[in-house]
Amino acid sequence: MSFTDVFKKIFGTKADRDMKALKPTLDKVLAAYKSIDTLSDDELRARCQVLKDKIQTAIASDEARIAQIREELEKEIPLKKKEELATEQDKLVKKVDETIEKVLDEILPEAFAIMKSTARRFAQNPVIKVKATDFDRDLSATKEFVTIEGDYALWQNHWMAGGNEVTWDMIHYDVQLIGGIVLHQGKIAEMATGEGKTLVATLPVFLNALAGKGVHVVTVNDYLSKRDSEWMGPLYQFHGLSVDCIDKHQPNSEGRKKAYACNITFGTNNEFGFDYLRDNMATSMNDLVQRKHHFAIVDEVDSVLVDDARTPLIISGPVPKGEDQQFMEYKPLVERLFSNQKTLVNSLLNEAKKLIAEGNEKDGGVLLFRAFKGYPKYKPLIKFLSEPGMKQLLQKVENYYIQDNEREMPFITDELYFVINEKMRSVDMTDKGRDLITGNLEDSNFFVLPDVGASIAEVQKSDLSAEEKQIKKDEILADFALKSERVHTVNQLLKAYTMFDKEIDYIIQDGKIKIVDEQTGRIMEGRRWSDGLHQAVEAKENVKVEAATQTFASARL
């Protein structure tokens, strides 16, 4: 028997140890459920209010002092005093969070039992009749599953969710109670499809929402966020907790601000992230939509925090489109360049195949490598490289030419119109390619950028007046900006043609270019490539070219 086997026999597996640690809490939940489930419907709602009051009582004095400090900070007081008050406020905010966490741990068994009992009542009763509260009356004005009859509110157990009518039929099993405990502890709960992870989330969401500080439920797409908010919402609303979904409201709108003010807020990871960025760009407190973050549940955490997090969120604003962005104008030139290269690569590949078949791997390998540097995504080339020994031959040739800082590489690349580096995600035009472009233009110095420094130095040395010198400098800078921008436009067009493939990197939907996430294969709604690349792809596909964007803020999830 190995040491590992002996260790497991004595101490148990990791799963055994985790279950042992969770079982006392589970037992408390089950014990609380026995008494909670005997309560009437009104008594159940009253018990929930008792838990809310317990949390508020625990933090009342600190919250009052925080409010007092905020009022004092708005007054004209010495800077030193402001710093002291701000420091005290930060400490109190942290203390409030710690107090809430402690109280939530204490009331967890009862809160979980209340939610399980609520689910059981909806599953077993078509209608639940309770004394109407103001919350019930307000809710009945917008929700069909709540109606008011005199002093009573009638709660139906069926409602619309995701465009379909659903009848509530779920009750929490022990395994789901365990999952809820794990999520409340800030850990990851992995569950197989069909084990009810959406139901599991109701437990920690309900518990943490009792503090009134806001709970975020993060999903991967807007359909799920809207559906889950409608599907699980009535269980929370039955206990007077407000629920909304940010994806139902436009950014920066009053509707979205109210959604964030709810006890429970559903939404997609992108929208939560973009709202966070917008809030960090706000110049007034009134423009903020999010409040202080309290607790969040992330659905499909591997997708949100691993796959989607590879792509940064970027907020951009429009830049007026002018003569400096002529994607459609230079498209024919780049198309011709790309076509010539493709023809050349096809010729190189055919010659390489012939030489290799004749046993001349040395010369054939050189041509194969040249074809690869010219267009590595060329499908016939990819197919040939899949044949036995071809990738090894290519690698052998590449190893020779990349040694000594690629001293011999021009022998390979000078014959091409441009060179593609897949690893660096870059494409560089050769002299041959530049000659092809300029041969079709009146400006033979299309790719020659003026020496701004030298030109301005000459102006400074001249006898012109200060005003004339400034005019000349502005002309020099404007000329440089114009030429550098058109060179950049050509380079981005070339990159669009050589490195981005339709149905792989992007699709055309509703007359727009939509990016496909290379990690997940999902369509990345609302995303655009930056630095003019998106406009270049639009020009390539004859989709209406939109104005360029200027990045204001970006962040990874």
Protein backbone atom coordinates (compact mmCIF):
# COMPACT_ATOMS: atom_id res chain seq x y z
CA MET A 1 0.00 0.00 0.00
CA SER A 2 1.41 3.40 -1.04
CA PHE A 3 1.82 6.38 1.27
CA THR A 4 -1.05 8.11 -0.57
CA ASP A 5 -3.37 5.16 0.09
CA VAL A 6 -2.38 5.09 3.77
CA PHE A 7 -2.95 8.87 4.02
CA LYS A 8 -6.41 8.58 2.45
CA LYS A 9 -7.32 5.68 4.72
CA ILE A 10 -6.42 7.68 7.82
CA PHE A 11 -7.57 11.18 6.86
CA GLY A 12 -9.95 10.52 3.95
CA THR A 13 -9.97 12.14 0.50
CA LYS A 14 -10.18 15.89 -0.06
CA ALA A 15 -13.88 15.47 -0.86
CA ASP A 16 -14.40 13.52 2.38
CA ARG A 17 -12.70 16.26 4.41
CA ASP A 18 -14.71 18.98 2.69
CA MET A 19 -17.98 17.15 3.32
CA LYS A 20 -17.02 16.64 6.96
CA ALA A 21 -16.49 20.39 7.32
CA LEU A 22 -19.81 21.21 5.62
CA LYS A 23 -21.99 18.63 7.39
CA PRO A 24 -22.48 20.57 10.67
CA THR A 25 -23.86 23.55 8.72
CA LEU A 26 -26.06 21.26 6.61
CA ASP A 27 -27.42 19.63 9.76
CA LYS A 28 -28.31 23.08 11.16
CA VAL A 29 -30.18 23.95 7.95
CA LEU A 30 -32.16 20.72 8.04
CA ALA A 31 -32.96 21.18 11.73
CA ALA A 32 -34.13 24.76 11.11
CA TYR A 33 -36.25 23.61 8.17
CA LYS A 34 -38.29 21.29 10.38
CA SER A 35 -39.57 24.21 12.44
CA ILE A 36 -39.62 26.81 9.65
CA ASP A 37 -41.77 24.65 7.38
CA THR A 38 -44.51 24.42 10.02
CA LEU A 39 -45.04 28.20 9.94
CA SER A 40 -47.96 29.73 8.10
CA ASP A 41 -47.22 31.68 4.89
CA ASP A 42 -47.55 35.01 6.71
CA GLU A 43 -45.38 33.80 9.58
CA LEU A 44 -42.75 32.66 7.07
CA ARG A 45 -42.58 36.16 5.57
CA ALA A 46 -42.47 37.66 9.07
CA ARG A 47 -39.52 35.41 9.97
CA CYS A 48 -37.66 36.73 6.92
CA GLN A 49 -38.24 40.28 8.15
CA VAL A 50 -36.82 39.30 11.55
CA LEU A 51 -33.57 38.28 9.82
CA LYS A 52 -33.42 41.58 7.92
CA ASP A 53 -33.94 43.50 11.15
CA LYS A 54 -31.22 41.51 12.89
CA ILE A 55 -28.68 42.55 10.27
CA GLN A 56 -29.76 46.20 10.34
CA THR A 57 -29.62 46.29 14.16
CA ALA A 58 -26.06 44.93 14.12
CA ILE A 59 -24.81 47.69 11.79
CA ALA A 60 -27.14 50.54 12.75
CA SER A 61 -24.71 52.57 14.89
CA ASP A 62 -21.86 52.29 12.38
CA GLU A 63 -24.16 53.16 9.46
CA ALA A 64 -25.43 56.21 11.34
CA ARG A 65 -21.88 57.40 11.95
CA ILE A 66 -20.98 56.87 8.26
CA ALA A 67 -23.97 58.99 7.22
CA GLN A 68 -22.91 61.67 9.70
CA ILE A 69 -19.36 61.69 8.32
CA ARG A 70 -20.62 62.06 4.76
CA GLU A 71 -22.62 65.11 5.76
CA GLU A 72 -19.57 66.62 7.45
CA LEU A 73 -17.39 65.96 4.41
CA GLU A 74 -19.72 68.05 2.27
CA LYS A 75 -19.09 71.06 4.47
CA GLU A 76 -16.20 73.53 4.23
CA ILE A 77 -13.72 72.08 6.72
CA PRO A 78 -9.89 71.99 6.92
CA LEU A 79 -8.14 69.44 4.67
CA LYS A 80 -6.57 67.66 7.64
CA LYS A 81 -10.01 67.19 9.21
CA LYS A 82 -11.34 65.85 5.91
CA GLU A 83 -8.55 63.29 5.75
CA GLU A 84 -9.27 62.16 9.31
CA LEU A 85 -12.97 61.79 8.58
CA ALA A 86 -12.34 59.93 5.31
CA THR A 87 -10.01 57.51 7.10
CA GLU A 88 -12.59 56.93 9.82
CA GLN A 89 -15.26 56.34 7.19
CA ASP A 90 -13.14 53.74 5.36
CA LYS A 91 -12.57 51.87 8.63
CA LEU A 92 -16.27 51.94 9.46
CA VAL A 93 -17.26 50.70 6.00
CA LYS A 94 -14.87 47.79 6.43
CA LYS A 95 -16.27 47.13 9.93
CA VAL A 96 -19.84 47.11 8.56
CA ASP A 97 -18.85 44.55 5.91
CA GLU A 98 -17.24 42.34 8.55
CA THR A 99 -20.28 42.62 10.82
CA ILE A 100 -22.66 41.73 7.99
CA GLU A 101 -20.55 38.71 7.07
CA LYS A 102 -20.57 37.53 10.68
CA VAL A 103 -24.35 37.92 11.05
CA LEU A 104 -25.00 36.22 7.69
CA ASP A 105 -23.00 33.19 8.83
CA GLU A 106 -25.14 33.06 11.99
CA ILE A 107 -28.48 33.27 10.19
CA LEU A 108 -27.49 31.05 7.22
CA PRO A 109 -29.30 27.91 8.47
CA GLU A 110 -32.57 29.79 9.03
CA ALA A 111 -32.32 31.77 5.77
CA PHE A 112 -31.64 28.63 3.73
CA ALA A 113 -34.54 26.90 5.48
CA ILE A 114 -36.85 29.82 4.61
CA MET A 115 -35.88 29.65 0.94
CA LYS A 116 -36.33 25.87 0.81
CA SER A 117 -39.73 26.18 2.48
CA THR A 118 -40.71 28.94 0.05
CA ALA A 119 -39.77 26.73 -2.90
CA ARG A 120 -41.76 23.86 -1.41
CA ARG A 121 -44.87 26.02 -0.95
CA PHE A 122 -44.78 27.30 -4.52
CA ALA A 123 -44.22 23.76 -5.86
CA GLN A 124 -47.17 22.29 -3.94
CA ASN A 125 -49.70 25.15 -4.05
CA PRO A 126 -51.13 26.76 -7.20
CA VAL A 127 -51.93 29.87 -5.15
CA ILE A 128 -50.43 31.26 -1.94
CA LYS A 129 -52.62 33.72 -0.05
CA VAL A 130 -50.94 36.21 2.29
CA LYS A 131 -51.72 39.58 3.82
CA ALA A 132 -50.88 42.22 1.25
CA THR A 133 -47.97 44.57 1.86
CA ASP A 134 -47.15 47.77 0.00
CA PHE A 135 -44.51 45.77 -1.89
CA ASP A 136 -47.17 43.26 -2.97
CA ARG A 137 -49.46 46.04 -4.17
CA ASP A 138 -46.73 47.76 -6.18
CA LEU A 139 -45.63 44.44 -7.68
CA SER A 140 -49.18 43.52 -8.72
CA ALA A 141 -49.26 46.57 -10.97
CA THR A 142 -46.54 45.10 -13.22
CA LYS A 143 -46.60 41.34 -12.56
CA GLU A 144 -49.51 39.07 -13.48
CA PHE A 145 -48.56 36.37 -10.98
CA VAL A 146 -49.54 38.67 -8.07
CA THR A 147 -53.12 39.92 -7.66
CA ILE A 148 -54.71 41.89 -4.82
CA GLU A 149 -58.07 40.97 -3.30
CA GLY A 150 -58.94 43.31 -0.49
CA ASP A 151 -56.36 42.98 2.26
CA TYR A 152 -54.76 39.90 0.70
CA ALA A 153 -52.25 39.18 -2.02
CA LEU A 154 -52.63 36.07 -4.15
CA TRP A 155 -49.36 34.66 -5.47
CA GLN A 156 -49.65 32.25 -8.43
CA ASN A 157 -47.05 29.50 -8.79
CA HIS A 158 -46.70 30.04 -12.55
CA TRP A 159 -45.25 32.99 -14.45
CA MET A 160 -43.45 34.00 -17.65
CA ALA A 161 -39.69 33.38 -17.84
CA GLY A 162 -37.61 33.76 -20.98
CA GLY A 163 -40.73 34.11 -23.13
CA ASN A 164 -42.29 30.87 -21.85
CA GLU A 165 -44.74 30.19 -19.04
CA VAL A 166 -43.20 28.11 -16.27
CA THR A 167 -44.82 26.43 -13.28
CA TRP A 168 -42.61 26.25 -10.23
CA ASP A 169 -41.87 22.60 -9.37
CA MET A 170 -38.49 22.57 -7.64
CA ILE A 171 -37.53 21.97 -4.00
CA HIS A 172 -33.94 22.06 -2.75
CA TYR A 173 -32.28 18.69 -2.11
CA ASP A 174 -29.46 18.26 0.39
CA VAL A 175 -26.83 18.39 -2.36
CA GLN A 176 -28.19 21.76 -3.43
CA LEU A 177 -28.10 23.02 0.15
CA ILE A 178 -24.44 21.99 0.26
CA GLY A 179 -23.80 23.83 -3.00
CA GLY A 180 -25.43 26.94 -1.53
CA ILE A 181 -23.18 26.80 1.54
CA VAL A 182 -20.11 26.50 -0.67
CA LEU A 183 -21.13 29.48 -2.82
CA HIS A 184 -21.79 31.64 0.23
CA GLN A 185 -18.26 30.87 1.40
CA GLY A 186 -16.92 32.38 -1.81
CA LYS A 187 -15.84 29.07 -3.31
CA ILE A 188 -16.56 27.42 -6.65
CA ALA A 189 -19.37 24.84 -6.72
CA GLU A 190 -19.08 22.51 -9.71
CA MET A 191 -22.28 20.73 -10.64
CA ALA A 192 -23.21 18.47 -13.53
CA THR A 193 -25.89 19.49 -16.02
CA GLY A 194 -29.33 18.85 -14.54
CA GLU A 195 -28.26 19.04 -10.90
CA GLY A 196 -29.98 22.39 -10.48
CA LYS A 197 -27.20 24.96 -10.20
CA THR A 198 -29.69 27.77 -10.90
CA LEU A 199 -31.77 26.60 -7.93
CA VAL A 200 -28.62 26.32 -5.81
CA ALA A 201 -27.87 29.99 -6.41
CA THR A 202 -31.20 31.05 -4.85
CA LEU A 203 -29.87 30.14 -1.40
CA PRO A 204 -26.76 32.38 -1.13
CA VAL A 205 -28.44 35.09 -3.25
CA PHE A 206 -31.40 35.23 -0.84
CA LEU A 207 -29.17 35.15 2.23
CA ASN A 208 -26.88 37.95 1.08
CA ALA A 209 -29.74 40.06 -0.28
CA LEU A 210 -31.19 40.27 3.25
CA ALA A 211 -28.45 42.79 4.08
CA GLY A 212 -29.96 45.25 1.60
CA LYS A 213 -26.56 46.01 0.06
CA GLY A 214 -27.24 44.48 -3.35
CA VAL A 215 -26.41 41.10 -4.87
CA HIS A 216 -25.21 40.64 -8.44
CA VAL A 217 -25.98 37.44 -10.35
CA VAL A 218 -23.58 37.30 -13.31
CA THR A 219 -24.42 35.22 -16.40
CA VAL A 220 -22.73 34.72 -19.77
CA ASN A 221 -25.49 36.01 -22.08
CA ASP A 222 -28.47 38.32 -21.93
CA TYR A 223 -31.03 35.55 -22.54
CA LEU A 224 -29.94 33.72 -19.39
CA SER A 225 -29.79 36.91 -17.33
CA LYS A 226 -33.33 37.90 -18.33
CA ARG A 227 -34.70 34.36 -18.02
CA ASP A 228 -33.18 33.67 -14.62
CA SER A 229 -34.31 37.02 -13.22
CA GLU A 230 -37.88 36.16 -14.26
CA TRP A 231 -37.65 32.48 -13.31
CA MET A 232 -36.16 32.83 -9.81
CA GLY A 233 -37.40 36.35 -9.15
CA PRO A 234 -40.80 35.50 -7.56
CA LEU A 235 -39.14 33.48 -4.79
CA TYR A 236 -37.19 36.56 -3.72
CA GLN A 237 -40.05 38.98 -4.34
CA PHE A 238 -42.35 36.89 -2.13
CA HIS A 239 -40.16 38.06 0.76
CA GLY A 240 -40.13 41.70 -0.26
CA LEU A 241 -36.80 41.64 -2.12
CA SER A 242 -36.67 43.70 -5.32
CA VAL A 243 -35.29 42.06 -8.48
CA ASP A 244 -34.27 43.43 -11.88
CA CYS A 245 -31.99 42.72 -14.83
CA ILE A 246 -29.62 45.39 -16.19
CA ASP A 247 -29.78 43.89 -19.70
CA LYS A 248 -33.40 45.06 -19.94
CA HIS A 249 -32.29 48.70 -19.71
CA GLN A 250 -30.05 50.95 -21.78
CA PRO A 251 -26.64 51.96 -20.37
CA ASN A 252 -26.58 55.17 -18.31
CA SER A 253 -30.40 55.17 -18.14
CA GLU A 254 -32.55 55.69 -15.06
CA GLY A 255 -33.88 52.16 -15.59
CA ARG A 256 -30.41 50.68 -15.27
CA LYS A 257 -29.65 52.81 -12.20
CA LYS A 258 -32.85 51.52 -10.57
CA ALA A 259 -31.87 47.95 -11.49
CA TYR A 260 -28.62 48.37 -9.57
CA ALA A 261 -30.55 49.80 -6.62
CA CYS A 262 -32.54 46.55 -6.34
CA ASN A 263 -31.77 43.95 -3.70
CA ILE A 264 -30.90 41.45 -6.44
CA THR A 265 -29.54 42.45 -9.85
CA PHE A 266 -29.09 40.03 -12.75
CA GLY A 267 -26.90 40.80 -15.76
CA THR A 268 -24.19 39.65 -18.14
CA ASN A 269 -20.50 39.85 -17.28
CA ASN A 270 -19.86 42.31 -20.11
CA GLU A 271 -22.57 44.74 -19.03
CA PHE A 272 -21.46 44.65 -15.40
CA GLY A 273 -17.90 45.28 -16.60
CA PHE A 274 -18.82 48.13 -18.96
CA ASP A 275 -20.95 49.82 -16.29
CA TYR A 276 -17.97 49.62 -13.95
CA LEU A 277 -15.79 51.33 -16.58
CA ARG A 278 -18.41 53.99 -17.27
CA ASP A 279 -18.69 54.73 -13.56
CA ASN A 280 -14.93 55.17 -13.34
CA MET A 281 -15.14 57.73 -16.15
CA ALA A 282 -18.05 59.64 -14.58
CA THR A 283 -17.42 63.25 -13.54
CA SER A 284 -20.40 63.47 -11.19
CA MET A 285 -21.71 61.21 -8.45
CA ASN A 286 -25.16 61.51 -10.03
CA ASP A 287 -23.85 59.76 -13.16
CA LEU A 288 -22.91 56.58 -11.28
CA VAL A 289 -25.17 53.57 -11.78
CA GLN A 290 -23.46 50.97 -9.58
CA ARG A 291 -23.28 51.20 -5.83
CA LYS A 292 -20.66 49.71 -3.53
CA HIS A 293 -20.11 46.06 -4.41
CA HIS A 294 -21.35 43.59 -1.81
CA PHE A 295 -21.80 40.02 -3.10
CA ALA A 296 -21.84 38.34 -6.51
CA ILE A 297 -22.65 34.89 -7.86
CA VAL A 298 -20.99 34.04 -11.19
CA ASP A 299 -22.68 31.46 -13.41
CA GLU A 300 -20.35 29.41 -15.67
CA VAL A 301 -17.39 30.86 -13.82
CA ASP A 302 -14.85 29.12 -16.06
CA SER A 303 -16.24 30.89 -19.11
CA VAL A 304 -16.59 34.31 -17.45
CA LEU A 305 -13.32 34.46 -15.51
CA VAL A 306 -11.10 32.43 -17.86
CA ASP A 307 -12.37 32.43 -21.46
CA ASP A 308 -14.04 35.84 -21.62
CA ALA A 309 -11.38 37.43 -19.42
CA ARG A 310 -8.81 36.91 -22.19
CA THR A 311 -10.47 39.75 -24.08
CA PRO A 312 -10.33 43.20 -22.45
CA LEU A 313 -13.43 45.35 -22.23
CA ILE A 314 -12.93 48.57 -24.17
CA ILE A 315 -15.04 51.71 -24.10
CA SER A 316 -14.62 53.94 -27.12
CA GLY A 317 -16.07 57.12 -28.48
CA PRO A 318 -16.49 58.10 -32.15
CA VAL A 319 -13.84 60.07 -33.99
CA PRO A 320 -15.12 62.07 -37.00
CA LYS A 321 -14.32 60.32 -40.23
CA GLY A 322 -12.32 62.46 -42.64
CA GLU A 323 -9.97 62.25 -45.57
CA ASP A 324 -7.36 60.56 -43.39
CA GLN A 325 -9.35 57.34 -43.24
CA GLN A 326 -9.84 56.13 -46.79
CA PHE A 327 -10.36 52.41 -46.35
CA MET A 328 -12.56 52.06 -49.42
CA GLU A 329 -10.20 54.20 -51.51
CA TYR A 330 -7.16 52.03 -50.89
CA LYS A 331 -9.03 48.72 -50.88
CA PRO A 332 -8.42 48.01 -54.63
CA LEU A 333 -4.66 48.50 -54.16
CA VAL A 334 -4.52 46.06 -51.24
CA GLU A 335 -6.75 43.57 -53.07
CA ARG A 336 -4.33 43.59 -56.00
CA LEU A 337 -1.37 43.18 -53.65
CA PHE A 338 -3.04 40.28 -51.87
CA SER A 339 -4.03 38.64 -55.15
CA ASN A 340 -0.46 38.86 -56.50
CA GLN A 341 0.91 37.35 -53.31
CA LYS A 342 -1.63 34.53 -53.39
CA THR A 343 -0.70 33.73 -57.00
CA LEU A 344 2.99 33.81 -56.09
CA VAL A 345 2.48 31.53 -53.07
CA ASN A 346 0.52 29.07 -55.21
CA SER A 347 3.37 29.00 -57.74
CA LEU A 348 5.97 28.54 -54.97
CA LEU A 349 3.98 25.70 -53.43
CA ASN A 350 3.58 23.84 -56.73
CA GLU A 351 7.31 24.17 -57.48
CA ALA A 352 8.15 23.05 -53.93
CA LYS A 353 5.95 19.96 -54.30
CA LYS A 354 7.64 19.10 -57.58
CA LEU A 355 11.18 19.44 -56.19
CA ILE A 356 10.37 17.50 -53.03
CA ALA A 357 8.75 14.72 -55.06
CA GLU A 358 11.98 14.54 -57.12
CA GLY A 359 14.00 14.15 -53.93
CA ASN A 360 15.40 17.69 -53.89
CA GLU A 361 14.29 18.57 -50.35
CA LYS A 362 16.90 21.31 -49.99
CA ASP A 363 15.55 23.60 -52.72
CA GLY A 364 11.99 22.38 -52.25
CA GLY A 365 12.15 23.17 -48.53
CA VAL A 366 13.32 26.72 -49.26
CA LEU A 367 10.38 27.33 -51.59
CA LEU A 368 8.00 25.73 -49.08
CA PHE A 369 9.28 28.04 -46.33
CA ARG A 370 8.98 31.08 -48.63
CA ALA A 371 5.38 30.14 -49.40
CA PHE A 372 4.71 29.77 -45.68
CA LYS A 373 6.13 33.21 -44.87
CA GLY A 374 3.99 34.65 -47.64
CA TYR A 375 0.63 33.20 -46.67
CA PRO A 376 0.57 30.62 -43.85
CA LYS A 377 -3.25 30.44 -43.95
CA TYR A 378 -3.30 29.32 -47.61
CA LYS A 379 -5.45 26.19 -47.50
CA PRO A 380 -3.53 24.12 -50.11
CA LEU A 381 -0.36 24.90 -48.14
CA ILE A 382 -1.96 23.82 -44.86
CA LYS A 383 -3.12 20.60 -46.51
CA PHE A 384 0.35 19.85 -47.88
CA LEU A 385 1.97 20.51 -44.50
CA SER A 386 -0.31 17.88 -42.97
CA GLU A 387 1.41 15.20 -45.05
CA PRO A 388 4.05 13.08 -43.25
CA GLY A 389 7.42 14.79 -42.84
CA MET A 390 6.44 18.15 -44.35
CA LYS A 391 6.17 20.08 -41.08
CA GLN A 392 9.53 18.69 -40.00
CA LEU A 393 11.07 19.82 -43.28
CA LEU A 394 9.57 23.28 -42.88
CA GLN A 395 10.85 23.51 -39.31
CA LYS A 396 14.33 22.45 -40.40
CA VAL A 397 14.50 25.19 -43.03
CA GLU A 398 13.06 27.77 -40.65
CA ASN A 399 15.64 26.92 -37.98
CA TYR A 400 18.42 27.64 -40.48
CA TYR A 401 17.08 31.03 -41.54
CA ILE A 402 16.21 32.33 -38.07
CA GLN A 403 19.71 31.76 -36.70
CA ASP A 404 22.17 34.66 -36.37
CA ASN A 405 19.31 37.15 -35.85
CA GLU A 406 17.73 36.12 -39.15
CA ARG A 407 20.73 37.37 -41.13
CA GLU A 408 19.83 35.17 -44.10
CA MET A 409 16.06 35.81 -43.94
CA PRO A 410 16.02 38.46 -46.73
CA PHE A 411 16.87 35.65 -49.19
CA ILE A 412 13.45 34.20 -48.32
CA THR A 413 11.39 37.36 -47.97
CA ASP A 414 12.70 39.65 -50.73
CA GLU A 415 10.81 37.65 -53.34
CA LEU A 416 7.51 38.22 -51.53
CA TYR A 417 5.18 41.22 -51.60
CA PHE A 418 4.69 41.04 -47.83
CA VAL A 419 5.71 38.80 -44.94
CA ILE A 420 3.34 37.38 -42.34
CA ASN A 421 4.39 36.52 -38.79
CA GLU A 422 1.63 34.43 -37.25
CA LYS A 423 3.17 34.35 -33.78
CA MET A 424 3.45 38.14 -33.63
CA ARG A 425 0.12 38.64 -35.43
CA SER A 426 1.82 41.07 -37.80
CA VAL A 427 2.25 41.62 -41.54
CA ASP A 428 5.10 43.65 -43.06
CA MET A 429 5.23 44.86 -46.65
CA THR A 430 8.48 44.29 -48.56
CA ASP A 431 10.10 46.69 -51.05
CA LYS A 432 8.52 44.62 -53.82
CA GLY A 433 5.07 45.13 -52.27
CA ARG A 434 5.60 48.86 -51.77
CA ASP A 435 6.71 49.21 -55.38
CA LEU A 436 3.53 47.49 -56.52
CA ILE A 437 1.38 49.90 -54.48
CA THR A 438 3.18 53.10 -55.48
CA GLY A 439 3.23 52.03 -59.15
CA ASN A 440 -0.53 52.61 -59.15
CA LEU A 441 -0.38 55.98 -57.41
CA GLU A 442 0.63 59.47 -58.47
CA ASP A 443 2.63 59.88 -55.27
CA SER A 444 5.77 57.78 -55.64
CA ASN A 445 6.72 58.67 -52.04
CA PHE A 446 3.50 57.24 -50.61
CA PHE A 447 5.38 55.19 -48.01
CA VAL A 448 8.06 57.81 -47.30
CA LEU A 449 7.20 59.76 -44.15
CA PRO A 450 8.69 63.24 -43.74
CA ASP A 451 11.36 63.85 -41.11
CA VAL A 452 9.32 66.03 -38.79
CA GLY A 453 12.19 66.85 -36.46
CA ALA A 454 14.51 68.04 -39.22
CA SER A 455 11.75 70.03 -40.95
CA ILE A 456 10.76 71.84 -37.78
CA ALA A 457 14.43 72.57 -36.99
CA GLU A 458 14.79 74.25 -40.38
CA VAL A 459 11.70 76.37 -39.71
CA GLN A 460 13.13 77.41 -36.36
CA LYS A 461 16.35 78.56 -38.01
CA SER A 462 14.51 80.59 -40.67
CA ASP A 463 13.88 84.34 -40.55
CA LEU A 464 10.12 83.95 -40.44
CA SER A 465 8.06 85.67 -37.76
CA ALA A 466 6.88 83.67 -34.76
CA GLU A 467 3.38 83.51 -36.21
CA GLU A 468 4.63 82.31 -39.62
CA LYS A 469 6.85 79.73 -37.96
CA GLN A 470 3.86 78.33 -36.06
CA ILE A 471 1.84 78.10 -39.28
CA LYS A 472 4.69 76.21 -40.99
CA LYS A 473 5.03 73.84 -38.03
CA ASP A 474 1.30 73.11 -38.12
CA GLU A 475 1.53 72.40 -41.86
CA ILE A 476 4.44 70.00 -41.32
CA LEU A 477 2.61 68.14 -38.54
CA ALA A 478 -0.62 67.99 -40.55
CA ASP A 479 1.26 66.59 -43.57
CA PHE A 480 2.93 63.96 -41.39
CA ALA A 481 -0.39 62.99 -39.79
CA LEU A 482 -2.04 62.65 -43.22
CA LYS A 483 0.72 60.45 -44.68
CA SER A 484 1.20 58.30 -41.59
CA GLU A 485 -2.55 57.71 -41.35
CA ARG A 486 -2.90 56.58 -44.97
CA VAL A 487 0.08 54.23 -44.57
CA HIS A 488 -1.58 52.90 -41.41
CA THR A 489 -4.85 52.43 -43.34
CA VAL A 490 -3.11 50.36 -46.02
CA ASN A 491 -1.36 48.25 -43.38
CA GLN A 492 -4.61 47.57 -41.54
CA LEU A 493 -6.35 46.62 -44.78
CA LEU A 494 -3.54 44.22 -45.57
CA LYS A 495 -3.85 42.71 -42.10
CA ALA A 496 -7.61 42.29 -42.61
CA TYR A 497 -7.06 40.40 -45.88
CA THR A 498 -4.25 38.15 -44.68
CA MET A 499 -4.97 37.37 -41.04
CA PHE A 500 -8.74 37.51 -40.55
CA ASP A 501 -11.03 34.93 -42.12
CA LYS A 502 -14.80 35.09 -42.47
CA GLU A 503 -16.71 32.41 -40.49
CA ILE A 504 -13.60 31.88 -38.36
CA ASP A 505 -12.55 35.23 -36.91
CA TYR A 506 -15.80 37.02 -37.68
CA ILE A 507 -19.23 36.66 -39.26
CA ILE A 508 -21.53 39.07 -41.09
CA GLN A 509 -24.86 39.41 -39.30
CA ASP A 510 -27.52 42.09 -39.73
CA GLY A 511 -25.21 43.92 -42.10
CA LYS A 512 -22.46 44.21 -39.49
CA ILE A 513 -19.12 42.57 -38.83
CA LYS A 514 -19.35 40.63 -35.58
CA ILE A 515 -16.28 39.20 -33.89
CA VAL A 516 -16.12 35.50 -33.01
CA ASP A 517 -14.32 34.72 -29.75
CA GLU A 518 -11.37 32.49 -30.65
CA GLN A 519 -11.55 30.77 -27.26
CA THR A 520 -15.25 29.95 -27.05
CA GLY A 521 -16.62 30.39 -30.57
CA ARG A 522 -19.29 32.74 -29.26
CA ILE A 523 -20.29 35.93 -31.06
CA MET A 524 -18.94 38.89 -29.11
CA GLU A 525 -21.83 41.32 -29.32
CA GLY A 526 -20.90 45.00 -29.21
CA ARG A 527 -17.15 44.36 -29.57
CA ARG A 528 -15.01 46.04 -32.25
CA TRP A 529 -11.37 45.64 -33.15
CA SER A 530 -9.47 48.81 -32.40
CA ASP A 531 -6.96 50.95 -34.26
CA GLY A 532 -8.92 50.94 -37.54
CA LEU A 533 -8.81 47.16 -37.96
CA HIS A 534 -12.57 46.76 -37.69
CA GLN A 535 -13.11 49.36 -40.43
CA ALA A 536 -10.56 47.52 -42.55
CA VAL A 537 -12.50 44.25 -42.24
CA GLU A 538 -15.73 46.14 -43.02
CA ALA A 539 -14.13 47.52 -46.18
CA LYS A 540 -12.88 44.06 -47.14
CA GLU A 541 -16.41 42.62 -46.89
CA ASN A 542 -18.12 45.67 -48.46
CA VAL A 543 -19.94 46.35 -45.19
CA LYS A 544 -20.67 49.99 -44.41
CA VAL A 545 -17.50 51.38 -42.85
CA GLU A 546 -18.22 53.10 -39.55
CA ALA A 547 -16.20 55.93 -38.02
CA ALA A 548 -13.03 55.00 -36.21
CA THR A 549 -13.01 54.86 -32.44
CA GLN A 550 -10.83 56.40 -29.79
CA THR A 551 -10.27 54.27 -26.71
CA PHE A 552 -11.16 55.98 -23.43
CA ALA A 553 -11.01 53.14 -20.93
CA SER A 554 -10.34 49.42 -20.90
CA ALA A 555 -10.02 46.64 -18.37
CA ARG A 556 -9.90 42.89 -18.06
CA LEU A 557 -12.66 41.14 -16.14
